[in-house]
Amino acid sequence: MSLGGGEHSARLSSRALAGGLVAVALWGLAPVATRAVVAHIAPLPLLALRMGLASLVLLPWALPVFRRLNVRSAGRLVTAGALGIVGYTLPVTAGLQWLHASTAGLLLASEPVWVMLIGRVFLSERRPARAWAGSGVALAGVVLLAGPDALSGGGHRPLAGAMLVVAGTLAFGAYTIVLRPLSTVHGAGPATAASTVVGAIPFLAFAGTVSGTRLAQLPPADWAGLVFLGLGSSVAGMVLWNRAVAIAGSPRVSLLLYFEPVVSVTGAVALLGERVTVEMLGAGLLILAGVALASAGIPAEAADEAGRPASTDVSRRPDKRHVGWEP
């Protein structure tokens, strides 16, 4: 009887981890899809469509949170929505007009370091020396990736795109910290859904910029990209990730996040024909090594919140990490 229960638990955990891997793949392909679609639709109309679609699907999960809000938590939710949806998606989408998706995917991998730095500055959170050493290594990779490599072959626009992506990553780092208390009270999934719905509201002001004529002229591939961003990355990714964290635990599932930049680079090469240089790979390895070193220097309880979203939290995706997810 106990053996059967153990086997069932193992199978459930394996399926959950497989779902978590799918979520990481969906998030990793988001910069690739954004880069492809933003070439034909301006960032604001694109985001109005993407976040509008995601919000409609996530609204049922968000309603219980809205019903239980008080004035203070409502203010926190609005702030989280502004940081995580507007502050993250707008600069990243705008930056991908001028930046390769592969470079953006590697820059986004530095998010845990920004979460740690923001926590130190605003919350006086203490971290061991190893965590700071890892942060330094990761930031060196960011500078290498956003500096000379971004400037080679495109003037200053690639550098501007890199800075926008980094700014979006910073905003998401702040989002994970602001949303943390709400994720603790309501659960990461509902809190993330609510922040997504609230954060999508400002984009409604730009719904009029969505041209019906322009949409009618979009090729099927761009429509597929829009649906993927709205339902795949922003909705399915969250659901699968939260389920994985809830069943298999945040420490195990969080390791899957190291595959996200790999998916971004691979997808950019295979689907967009981008070229990956030795310098870019070196910078990406620095970022991943730095994040790994920084994470190894963070206590288990804090590690969840320095990573990324999960079910009750995921530093960036909701889960047992307490936060949200990467839209």
Foldseek 3Di string as FASTA:
>chain_A
DVVVVVVVLVVLLVVLLVLLLLLLLLLLCLLVLLLVQCLQPPQLLLLLLQLVLQLVVLVVLQVVVVVPDDPVVVVLLLLLLCLQRVQQSRLLSNLSPQAFLLLLQLLLLLLLLLLVVVCCVPVVDDFDPLLVVLSVLQVVLLCLSLPPVQCPPGHCSSNSSSVSSNRSSNSLSVSLVSLQVVLVVSKASNSQSNSSNSSSVVSVVVNVVDDPVSVVPDDPSSVVSSCSSRPPNSPSSLVSQQSSCASNNQVVSLVSNLCSSVSSNVCSCVPVVDDDDPSNVVSSVSNSSSNVSSLVRGDPLCSQLSGDDGISGRVNCTHVSHGRHRD
